[in-house]
Amino acid sequence: MQYNGTQSVFVLICQLMFIFITFRALQSFHIDTFFRHPPRGLPVMIVLLSIAIGWACGTFFAEFFVVLRGMMNMVR
């Protein structure tokens, strides 16, 4: 779907917000305690996993609001 300027800023902020929330949530699990010797790449895995989950959630909610706005314009 193509976005205009305002929608693009909204989508970007929404995705960054969800990436940050997901990163903080994954950090709160203290995944390193599950390993006797935590792998060196564990922080990178947490960052990449938070980007993937946050991007998916952010895209879903942004698309939801774009569709909702389109439906509201259809009703008018």
Protein backbone atom coordinates (compact mmCIF):
# COMPACT_ATOMS: atom_id res chain seq x y z
CA MET A 1 0.00 0.00 0.00
CA GLN A 2 1.24 3.47 -0.77
CA TYR A 3 1.33 6.10 1.95
CA ASN A 4 1.29 9.85 1.81
CA GLY A 5 3.64 11.92 3.98
CA THR A 6 1.59 11.94 7.17
CA GLN A 7 0.85 8.22 6.98
CA SER A 8 4.53 7.46 6.37
CA VAL A 9 5.56 9.36 9.50
CA PHE A 10 2.82 7.60 11.49
CA VAL A 11 3.95 4.17 10.25
CA LEU A 12 7.61 4.93 11.03
CA ILE A 13 6.84 6.16 14.55
CA CYS A 14 4.52 3.23 15.17
CA GLN A 15 7.11 0.68 14.07
CA LEU A 16 9.92 2.29 16.09
CA MET A 17 7.68 2.42 19.15
CA PHE A 18 6.81 -1.27 18.86
CA ILE A 19 10.45 -2.22 18.28
CA PHE A 20 11.41 -0.36 21.46
CA ILE A 21 8.58 -1.96 23.47
CA THR A 22 9.51 -5.42 22.18
CA PHE A 23 13.19 -4.85 22.96
CA ARG A 24 12.40 -3.82 26.53
CA ALA A 25 10.06 -6.80 26.93
CA LEU A 26 12.67 -9.27 25.66
CA GLN A 27 15.28 -7.77 27.97
CA SER A 28 13.00 -8.25 30.96
CA PHE A 29 12.95 -12.03 30.39
CA HIS A 30 16.68 -12.27 31.28
CA ILE A 31 17.26 -14.94 28.63
CA ASP A 32 20.92 -15.26 29.63
CA THR A 33 19.91 -17.00 32.86
CA PHE A 34 18.66 -19.99 30.85
CA PHE A 35 22.20 -20.75 29.68
CA ARG A 36 25.09 -21.99 31.76
CA HIS A 37 27.45 -20.17 29.39
CA PRO A 38 25.42 -17.59 27.41
CA PRO A 39 26.44 -17.37 23.76
CA ARG A 40 28.28 -14.23 22.70
CA GLY A 41 25.69 -13.55 20.01
CA LEU A 42 22.78 -13.47 22.45
CA PRO A 43 22.50 -9.64 22.56
CA VAL A 44 22.49 -9.53 18.76
CA MET A 45 19.78 -12.20 18.69
CA ILE A 46 17.68 -10.15 21.13
CA VAL A 47 18.05 -7.04 18.97
CA LEU A 48 17.17 -8.87 15.75
CA LEU A 49 14.24 -10.68 17.33
CA SER A 50 12.89 -7.43 18.75
CA ILE A 51 13.19 -5.77 15.34
CA ALA A 52 11.32 -8.62 13.66
CA ILE A 53 8.52 -8.79 16.23
CA GLY A 54 8.27 -5.01 16.60
CA TRP A 55 8.16 -4.46 12.86
CA ALA A 56 5.39 -7.04 12.45
CA CYS A 57 3.29 -5.56 15.28
CA GLY A 58 3.91 -2.00 14.14
CA THR A 59 2.97 -2.80 10.56
CA PHE A 60 -0.20 -4.56 11.71
CA PHE A 61 -1.38 -1.64 13.85
CA ALA A 62 -0.42 1.00 11.29
CA GLU A 63 -2.22 -0.90 8.53
CA PHE A 64 -5.21 -1.35 10.84
CA PHE A 65 -5.50 2.41 11.35
CA VAL A 66 -5.06 3.09 7.63
CA VAL A 67 -7.87 0.65 6.82
CA LEU A 68 -10.01 2.12 9.60
CA ARG A 69 -9.48 5.60 8.18
CA GLY A 70 -10.42 4.37 4.72
CA MET A 71 -13.60 2.81 6.08
CA MET A 72 -14.49 6.05 7.82
CA ASN A 73 -14.02 7.94 4.55
CA MET A 74 -16.22 5.37 2.82
CA VAL A 75 -19.07 5.94 5.29
CA ARG A 76 -19.01 9.72 4.84
